N, C-alpha and C. Protein backbone atom coordinates (compact mmCIF):
# COMPACT_ATOMS: atom_id res chain seq x y z
N MET A 1 0.86 -1.12 -0.04
CA MET A 1 0.03 -0.01 -0.01
C MET A 1 0.93 1.25 -0.01
N GLU A 2 0.58 2.16 -0.90
CA GLU A 2 1.34 3.38 -0.98
C GLU A 2 1.02 4.31 0.25
N ARG A 3 2.07 4.94 0.74
CA ARG A 3 1.83 5.93 1.85
C ARG A 3 2.39 7.29 1.52
N ILE A 4 1.70 8.28 1.89
CA ILE A 4 2.15 9.68 1.73
C ILE A 4 2.04 10.35 3.12
N THR A 5 2.71 11.48 3.22
CA THR A 5 2.64 12.29 4.44
C THR A 5 1.64 13.40 4.24
N VAL A 6 0.68 13.49 5.19
CA VAL A 6 -0.27 14.64 5.25
C VAL A 6 -0.02 15.35 6.51
N LYS A 7 0.39 16.61 6.40
CA LYS A 7 0.65 17.44 7.61
C LYS A 7 -0.62 17.97 8.14
N ILE A 8 -0.81 17.94 9.46
CA ILE A 8 -2.00 18.44 10.09
C ILE A 8 -1.63 19.51 11.16
N ARG A 9 -2.29 20.63 11.00
CA ARG A 9 -2.18 21.67 12.13
C ARG A 9 -3.37 21.77 12.89
N ARG A 10 -3.20 21.56 14.22
CA ARG A 10 -4.31 21.65 15.11
C ARG A 10 -4.55 23.09 15.50
N LEU A 11 -5.78 23.55 15.23
CA LEU A 11 -6.15 24.94 15.68
C LEU A 11 -6.60 25.01 17.05
N ASP A 12 -6.74 26.18 17.56
CA ASP A 12 -7.14 26.37 19.03
C ASP A 12 -8.41 25.63 19.34
N GLU A 13 -9.39 25.62 18.43
CA GLU A 13 -10.65 24.89 18.71
C GLU A 13 -10.53 23.40 18.81
N GLY A 14 -9.39 22.91 18.24
CA GLY A 14 -9.11 21.45 18.21
C GLY A 14 -8.32 20.92 19.36
N ILE A 15 -7.88 21.79 20.25
CA ILE A 15 -7.06 21.31 21.36
C ILE A 15 -7.91 20.38 22.19
N GLY A 16 -7.32 19.23 22.54
CA GLY A 16 -7.96 18.26 23.36
C GLY A 16 -8.79 17.20 22.69
N ILE A 17 -8.88 17.37 21.38
CA ILE A 17 -9.59 16.42 20.50
C ILE A 17 -8.55 15.53 19.80
N PRO A 18 -8.81 14.20 19.81
CA PRO A 18 -7.80 13.32 19.09
C PRO A 18 -7.66 13.70 17.63
N LEU A 19 -6.41 13.51 17.18
CA LEU A 19 -6.13 13.74 15.78
C LEU A 19 -6.84 12.69 14.87
N PRO A 20 -7.10 13.00 13.64
CA PRO A 20 -7.74 12.02 12.80
C PRO A 20 -6.88 10.69 12.75
N SER A 21 -7.62 9.60 12.66
CA SER A 21 -6.93 8.34 12.68
C SER A 21 -7.75 7.32 11.86
N TYR A 22 -7.05 6.30 11.47
CA TYR A 22 -7.70 5.13 10.80
C TYR A 22 -8.19 4.24 11.99
N GLU A 23 -9.45 3.91 11.94
CA GLU A 23 -10.02 3.17 13.15
C GLU A 23 -9.81 1.64 13.05
N SER A 24 -9.40 1.14 11.86
CA SER A 24 -9.04 -0.26 11.67
C SER A 24 -7.96 -0.43 10.66
N ASP A 25 -7.30 -1.56 10.66
CA ASP A 25 -6.24 -1.89 9.81
C ASP A 25 -6.64 -1.76 8.32
N GLY A 26 -7.88 -2.04 7.97
CA GLY A 26 -8.33 -1.93 6.57
C GLY A 26 -9.06 -0.72 6.19
N SER A 27 -9.12 0.32 7.10
CA SER A 27 -9.86 1.55 6.82
C SER A 27 -9.25 2.30 5.67
N SER A 28 -10.10 2.94 4.82
CA SER A 28 -9.55 3.76 3.80
C SER A 28 -9.73 5.29 4.14
N GLY A 29 -10.58 5.51 5.14
CA GLY A 29 -10.82 6.87 5.56
C GLY A 29 -10.43 7.13 6.93
N ILE A 30 -9.91 8.37 7.26
CA ILE A 30 -9.60 8.76 8.59
C ILE A 30 -10.77 9.57 9.18
N ASP A 31 -11.14 9.27 10.33
CA ASP A 31 -12.30 9.91 10.98
C ASP A 31 -11.97 11.38 11.38
N LEU A 32 -12.85 12.22 11.07
CA LEU A 32 -12.77 13.62 11.48
C LEU A 32 -13.79 13.88 12.58
N ARG A 33 -13.39 14.70 13.57
CA ARG A 33 -14.21 14.94 14.72
C ARG A 33 -14.69 16.41 14.83
N ALA A 34 -15.82 16.61 15.51
CA ALA A 34 -16.40 17.94 15.69
C ALA A 34 -15.67 18.69 16.74
N ALA A 35 -15.22 19.90 16.34
CA ALA A 35 -14.47 20.75 17.25
C ALA A 35 -15.40 21.94 17.63
N ILE A 36 -16.48 21.57 18.29
CA ILE A 36 -17.41 22.53 18.76
C ILE A 36 -17.34 22.74 20.25
N LYS A 37 -17.77 23.84 20.79
CA LYS A 37 -17.58 24.12 22.17
C LYS A 37 -18.30 23.09 23.06
N ASP A 38 -19.51 22.78 22.82
CA ASP A 38 -20.22 21.87 23.62
C ASP A 38 -21.08 20.82 22.78
N GLN A 39 -22.20 21.31 22.29
CA GLN A 39 -22.98 20.50 21.36
C GLN A 39 -23.77 21.32 20.35
N VAL A 40 -24.16 20.71 19.29
CA VAL A 40 -24.94 21.40 18.23
C VAL A 40 -26.14 20.45 17.93
N MET A 41 -27.34 21.00 17.95
CA MET A 41 -28.55 20.29 17.61
C MET A 41 -28.85 20.51 16.14
N LEU A 42 -28.96 19.38 15.49
CA LEU A 42 -29.30 19.43 13.99
C LEU A 42 -30.66 18.89 13.79
N LYS A 43 -31.62 19.80 13.55
CA LYS A 43 -33.00 19.41 13.34
C LYS A 43 -33.16 18.71 11.97
N SER A 44 -34.25 18.00 11.89
CA SER A 44 -34.56 17.28 10.58
C SER A 44 -34.56 18.25 9.49
N GLY A 45 -33.85 17.95 8.40
CA GLY A 45 -33.74 18.81 7.21
C GLY A 45 -32.77 19.93 7.31
N GLU A 46 -32.08 20.10 8.41
CA GLU A 46 -31.17 21.23 8.62
C GLU A 46 -29.79 20.85 8.24
N ILE A 47 -29.09 21.91 7.74
CA ILE A 47 -27.69 21.86 7.31
C ILE A 47 -26.85 22.81 8.17
N LYS A 48 -25.69 22.32 8.64
CA LYS A 48 -24.90 23.26 9.44
C LYS A 48 -23.38 22.86 9.09
N LEU A 49 -22.61 23.92 9.18
CA LEU A 49 -21.10 23.78 9.01
C LEU A 49 -20.54 23.43 10.37
N ILE A 50 -19.89 22.31 10.50
CA ILE A 50 -19.32 21.87 11.77
C ILE A 50 -17.77 21.98 11.59
N PRO A 51 -17.11 22.75 12.47
CA PRO A 51 -15.65 22.87 12.35
C PRO A 51 -14.97 21.62 12.92
N THR A 52 -13.70 21.33 12.44
CA THR A 52 -12.93 20.24 12.93
C THR A 52 -11.73 20.65 13.75
N GLY A 53 -11.45 21.96 13.72
CA GLY A 53 -10.28 22.40 14.52
C GLY A 53 -8.94 22.02 13.87
N LEU A 54 -9.03 21.67 12.56
CA LEU A 54 -7.79 21.17 11.94
C LEU A 54 -7.61 21.84 10.52
N ALA A 55 -6.39 22.07 10.13
CA ALA A 55 -5.98 22.46 8.79
C ALA A 55 -4.95 21.46 8.30
N VAL A 56 -4.92 21.23 7.03
CA VAL A 56 -4.06 20.17 6.48
C VAL A 56 -3.26 20.71 5.29
N SER A 57 -2.16 20.02 5.03
CA SER A 57 -1.34 20.23 3.91
C SER A 57 -1.30 18.89 3.12
N ILE A 58 -2.08 18.85 2.12
CA ILE A 58 -2.17 17.61 1.30
C ILE A 58 -1.20 17.81 0.09
N PRO A 59 -0.35 16.80 -0.15
CA PRO A 59 0.60 16.97 -1.23
C PRO A 59 -0.06 17.20 -2.60
N ARG A 60 0.66 17.96 -3.41
CA ARG A 60 0.16 18.25 -4.81
C ARG A 60 0.02 16.88 -5.50
N GLY A 61 -1.05 16.77 -6.25
CA GLY A 61 -1.35 15.51 -6.93
C GLY A 61 -2.31 14.63 -6.20
N TYR A 62 -2.74 15.15 -5.00
CA TYR A 62 -3.67 14.34 -4.14
C TYR A 62 -4.82 15.32 -3.68
N GLU A 63 -5.86 14.78 -3.21
CA GLU A 63 -6.98 15.51 -2.60
C GLU A 63 -7.45 14.78 -1.37
N GLY A 64 -8.15 15.50 -0.51
CA GLY A 64 -8.82 14.88 0.54
C GLY A 64 -10.27 14.84 0.20
N GLN A 65 -10.94 13.76 0.19
CA GLN A 65 -12.39 13.62 -0.10
C GLN A 65 -13.12 13.45 1.27
N ILE A 66 -14.07 14.26 1.51
CA ILE A 66 -14.84 14.26 2.73
C ILE A 66 -16.14 13.44 2.43
N ARG A 67 -16.29 12.44 3.23
CA ARG A 67 -17.44 11.49 3.05
C ARG A 67 -18.18 11.30 4.34
N PRO A 68 -19.44 10.91 4.23
CA PRO A 68 -20.21 10.65 5.45
C PRO A 68 -19.76 9.36 6.10
N ARG A 69 -20.06 9.18 7.35
CA ARG A 69 -19.84 7.92 8.02
C ARG A 69 -21.08 7.06 7.92
N SER A 70 -20.85 5.82 7.47
CA SER A 70 -22.05 4.98 7.16
C SER A 70 -22.99 4.72 8.34
N GLY A 71 -22.39 4.55 9.50
CA GLY A 71 -23.24 4.30 10.65
C GLY A 71 -24.13 5.46 11.02
N LEU A 72 -23.64 6.72 10.93
CA LEU A 72 -24.51 7.89 11.10
C LEU A 72 -25.60 7.98 10.08
N ALA A 73 -25.24 7.68 8.82
CA ALA A 73 -26.22 7.67 7.76
C ALA A 73 -27.34 6.67 7.93
N LEU A 74 -26.97 5.42 8.25
CA LEU A 74 -27.93 4.37 8.42
C LEU A 74 -28.82 4.53 9.66
N LYS A 75 -28.19 4.89 10.79
CA LYS A 75 -28.96 4.89 12.04
C LYS A 75 -29.69 6.21 12.23
N TYR A 76 -29.20 7.34 11.81
CA TYR A 76 -29.77 8.62 12.07
C TYR A 76 -30.12 9.51 10.89
N GLY A 77 -29.64 9.08 9.70
CA GLY A 77 -29.89 9.96 8.50
C GLY A 77 -28.96 11.09 8.38
N ILE A 78 -27.79 11.00 9.03
CA ILE A 78 -26.84 12.17 9.00
C ILE A 78 -25.88 11.95 7.95
N GLY A 79 -25.64 12.93 7.02
CA GLY A 79 -24.81 12.88 5.93
C GLY A 79 -23.91 14.08 5.69
N VAL A 80 -23.21 14.09 4.65
CA VAL A 80 -22.40 15.29 4.27
C VAL A 80 -23.10 15.84 3.02
N ALA A 81 -23.55 17.09 3.07
CA ALA A 81 -24.39 17.73 2.05
C ALA A 81 -23.73 17.78 0.70
N ASN A 82 -22.43 17.97 0.66
CA ASN A 82 -21.76 18.08 -0.64
C ASN A 82 -20.82 16.91 -0.82
N SER A 83 -21.36 15.69 -0.50
CA SER A 83 -20.57 14.51 -0.55
C SER A 83 -20.25 13.99 -1.97
N PRO A 84 -19.04 13.73 -2.33
CA PRO A 84 -17.86 13.96 -1.41
C PRO A 84 -17.44 15.40 -1.52
N GLY A 85 -17.10 15.97 -0.40
CA GLY A 85 -16.47 17.28 -0.37
C GLY A 85 -14.99 17.11 -0.78
N THR A 86 -14.41 18.18 -1.27
CA THR A 86 -13.01 18.12 -1.71
C THR A 86 -12.14 19.09 -0.95
N ILE A 87 -11.01 18.61 -0.46
CA ILE A 87 -10.00 19.45 0.04
C ILE A 87 -8.82 19.49 -0.94
N ASP A 88 -8.66 20.59 -1.58
CA ASP A 88 -7.61 20.66 -2.58
C ASP A 88 -6.24 20.75 -1.94
N SER A 89 -5.17 20.39 -2.69
CA SER A 89 -3.84 20.36 -2.16
C SER A 89 -3.31 21.70 -1.80
N ASP A 90 -3.85 22.76 -2.32
CA ASP A 90 -3.44 24.10 -1.96
C ASP A 90 -4.29 24.83 -0.93
N TYR A 91 -5.23 24.15 -0.32
CA TYR A 91 -6.09 24.76 0.69
C TYR A 91 -5.44 24.61 2.04
N ARG A 92 -5.36 25.70 2.81
CA ARG A 92 -4.76 25.71 4.10
C ARG A 92 -5.64 26.14 5.25
N GLY A 93 -6.96 26.38 4.94
CA GLY A 93 -7.82 26.80 5.96
C GLY A 93 -8.34 25.66 6.77
N GLU A 94 -9.27 25.94 7.67
CA GLU A 94 -9.88 24.90 8.60
C GLU A 94 -10.77 24.03 7.78
N ILE A 95 -10.68 22.70 8.06
CA ILE A 95 -11.60 21.82 7.44
C ILE A 95 -12.95 21.92 8.16
N GLY A 96 -13.99 22.21 7.36
CA GLY A 96 -15.34 22.30 7.86
C GLY A 96 -16.18 21.22 7.22
N ILE A 97 -17.03 20.62 8.00
CA ILE A 97 -17.92 19.53 7.43
C ILE A 97 -19.32 20.10 7.31
N ILE A 98 -19.88 20.00 6.10
CA ILE A 98 -21.26 20.48 5.82
C ILE A 98 -22.16 19.31 6.13
N VAL A 99 -22.70 19.28 7.34
CA VAL A 99 -23.50 18.13 7.78
C VAL A 99 -24.95 18.42 7.53
N ILE A 100 -25.69 17.39 7.09
CA ILE A 100 -27.15 17.47 6.88
C ILE A 100 -27.82 16.40 7.62
N ASN A 101 -28.96 16.72 8.09
CA ASN A 101 -29.87 15.70 8.84
C ASN A 101 -31.04 15.37 7.90
N TRP A 102 -30.91 14.16 7.18
CA TRP A 102 -32.01 13.68 6.36
C TRP A 102 -32.99 12.83 7.17
N GLY A 103 -32.64 12.61 8.41
CA GLY A 103 -33.49 11.80 9.31
C GLY A 103 -34.83 12.58 9.69
N LYS A 104 -35.63 11.88 10.41
CA LYS A 104 -36.93 12.43 10.90
C LYS A 104 -36.83 13.11 12.25
N ARG A 105 -35.81 12.82 12.97
CA ARG A 105 -35.60 13.34 14.35
C ARG A 105 -34.37 14.23 14.40
N SER A 106 -34.37 15.15 15.38
CA SER A 106 -33.20 15.96 15.59
C SER A 106 -32.09 15.05 16.04
N PHE A 107 -30.81 15.54 15.79
CA PHE A 107 -29.65 14.79 16.10
C PHE A 107 -28.67 15.74 16.75
N THR A 108 -28.04 15.32 17.83
CA THR A 108 -27.13 16.11 18.62
C THR A 108 -25.65 15.71 18.28
N ILE A 109 -24.94 16.68 17.91
CA ILE A 109 -23.47 16.48 17.68
C ILE A 109 -22.73 17.08 18.89
N ARG A 110 -21.88 16.27 19.47
CA ARG A 110 -21.12 16.67 20.70
C ARG A 110 -19.65 16.90 20.38
N ARG A 111 -19.01 17.69 21.16
CA ARG A 111 -17.61 17.90 20.93
C ARG A 111 -16.83 16.57 20.93
N GLY A 112 -15.98 16.40 19.93
CA GLY A 112 -15.19 15.20 19.71
C GLY A 112 -15.89 14.09 19.03
N ASP A 113 -17.20 14.25 18.65
CA ASP A 113 -17.83 13.13 17.92
C ASP A 113 -17.22 12.97 16.55
N ARG A 114 -17.13 11.77 16.08
CA ARG A 114 -16.73 11.44 14.79
C ARG A 114 -17.82 11.77 13.81
N ILE A 115 -17.69 12.73 12.93
CA ILE A 115 -18.82 13.13 12.16
C ILE A 115 -18.61 12.94 10.63
N ALA A 116 -17.43 12.63 10.16
CA ALA A 116 -17.22 12.43 8.72
C ALA A 116 -15.87 11.67 8.62
N GLN A 117 -15.51 11.24 7.42
CA GLN A 117 -14.21 10.71 7.18
C GLN A 117 -13.51 11.38 5.94
N MET A 118 -12.22 11.35 5.96
CA MET A 118 -11.46 11.85 4.85
C MET A 118 -10.68 10.81 4.22
N VAL A 119 -10.85 10.60 2.89
CA VAL A 119 -10.01 9.72 2.08
C VAL A 119 -9.03 10.50 1.29
N VAL A 120 -7.79 10.20 1.40
CA VAL A 120 -6.75 10.91 0.59
C VAL A 120 -6.51 10.11 -0.62
N THR A 121 -6.66 10.65 -1.80
CA THR A 121 -6.56 9.95 -3.05
C THR A 121 -5.87 10.79 -4.13
N LYS A 122 -5.32 10.04 -5.10
CA LYS A 122 -4.61 10.74 -6.17
C LYS A 122 -5.61 11.45 -7.13
N VAL A 123 -5.18 12.47 -7.72
CA VAL A 123 -5.92 13.15 -8.76
C VAL A 123 -5.12 13.36 -9.99
N CYS A 124 -5.72 13.60 -11.12
CA CYS A 124 -5.00 13.99 -12.36
C CYS A 124 -5.72 15.10 -13.02
N TRP A 125 -5.02 15.85 -13.78
CA TRP A 125 -5.64 17.01 -14.51
C TRP A 125 -5.96 16.50 -15.90
N ALA A 126 -7.11 16.93 -16.43
CA ALA A 126 -7.45 16.61 -17.80
C ALA A 126 -7.12 17.78 -18.71
N ASP A 127 -6.58 17.42 -19.89
CA ASP A 127 -6.37 18.47 -20.94
C ASP A 127 -7.64 18.56 -21.68
N ILE A 128 -8.24 19.75 -21.66
CA ILE A 128 -9.57 19.95 -22.33
C ILE A 128 -9.30 20.45 -23.74
N ILE A 129 -9.92 19.65 -24.66
CA ILE A 129 -9.74 19.92 -26.11
C ILE A 129 -11.11 20.01 -26.73
N GLU A 130 -11.41 21.10 -27.35
CA GLU A 130 -12.76 21.21 -28.03
C GLU A 130 -12.65 20.56 -29.43
N VAL A 131 -13.71 19.71 -29.70
CA VAL A 131 -13.75 19.03 -30.95
C VAL A 131 -15.16 19.27 -31.58
N ASP A 132 -15.30 18.90 -32.80
CA ASP A 132 -16.62 19.02 -33.47
C ASP A 132 -17.48 17.74 -33.29
N ASP A 133 -16.81 16.60 -33.18
CA ASP A 133 -17.50 15.33 -32.99
C ASP A 133 -16.73 14.47 -31.93
N LEU A 134 -17.48 13.67 -31.24
CA LEU A 134 -16.97 12.71 -30.26
C LEU A 134 -16.94 11.32 -30.84
N ASP A 135 -16.07 10.43 -30.36
CA ASP A 135 -16.08 9.03 -30.78
C ASP A 135 -17.39 8.44 -30.41
N SER A 136 -17.87 7.47 -31.19
CA SER A 136 -19.18 6.86 -30.91
C SER A 136 -18.97 5.61 -30.06
N THR A 137 -19.99 5.29 -29.29
CA THR A 137 -20.02 4.06 -28.46
C THR A 137 -21.39 3.46 -28.60
N PRO A 138 -21.54 2.11 -28.26
CA PRO A 138 -22.84 1.49 -28.33
C PRO A 138 -23.91 2.23 -27.46
N ARG A 139 -23.51 2.81 -26.35
CA ARG A 139 -24.42 3.47 -25.47
C ARG A 139 -24.89 4.81 -26.05
N GLY A 140 -24.00 5.53 -26.72
CA GLY A 140 -24.31 6.79 -27.34
C GLY A 140 -24.80 7.81 -26.28
N GLU A 141 -25.89 8.53 -26.49
CA GLU A 141 -26.40 9.51 -25.57
C GLU A 141 -27.34 8.98 -24.57
N GLY A 142 -27.50 7.65 -24.46
CA GLY A 142 -28.43 7.10 -23.47
C GLY A 142 -27.91 7.34 -22.05
N GLY A 143 -28.86 7.84 -21.19
CA GLY A 143 -28.46 8.14 -19.79
C GLY A 143 -29.71 8.15 -18.91
N PHE A 144 -29.49 8.52 -17.70
CA PHE A 144 -30.54 8.68 -16.71
C PHE A 144 -31.53 7.45 -16.71
N GLY A 145 -30.93 6.25 -16.49
CA GLY A 145 -31.71 5.04 -16.36
C GLY A 145 -32.09 4.31 -17.61
N HIS A 146 -31.35 4.64 -18.68
CA HIS A 146 -31.67 4.09 -20.02
C HIS A 146 -31.55 2.58 -19.98
N SER A 147 -30.64 2.01 -19.06
CA SER A 147 -30.42 0.60 -19.11
C SER A 147 -31.35 -0.18 -18.17
N GLY A 148 -32.25 0.49 -17.52
CA GLY A 148 -33.26 -0.17 -16.69
C GLY A 148 -32.69 -0.51 -15.31
N ILE A 149 -33.46 -1.41 -14.60
CA ILE A 149 -33.14 -1.76 -13.26
C ILE A 149 -32.45 -3.13 -13.25
N LYS A 150 -32.90 -4.01 -14.13
CA LYS A 150 -32.33 -5.38 -14.12
C LYS A 150 -31.28 -5.61 -15.22
């Protein structure tokens, strides 16, 4: 498995909260925690920006993808509104998680709760070339469910 170094700077709000970590040997995402003073109530249908108290330096050629935690999504309907969110390699500000409550009940986020995960992955740039025609494929312009369910 390839390994890279991601530098993390703990901000004042993040003091006392564990640094992001992989929770198991096979995890692909590192858990990010809420760096809030006490707790935040997220009503059904509500969206809030939750700070993590962290800033990162991701190497050029990589990005951090912010994704929801599956247990929060299944049990409570809690997700990341812009999933996956992107942390670009040149961003040095605080990581904020745009959390949404798709559930039917209010959900309380407490200081230090694991609210999302970050997957660090490679990126590539595409060279954009304008053309008059595209190569043809058997699918063609078929989309939005054209292949059915089965």
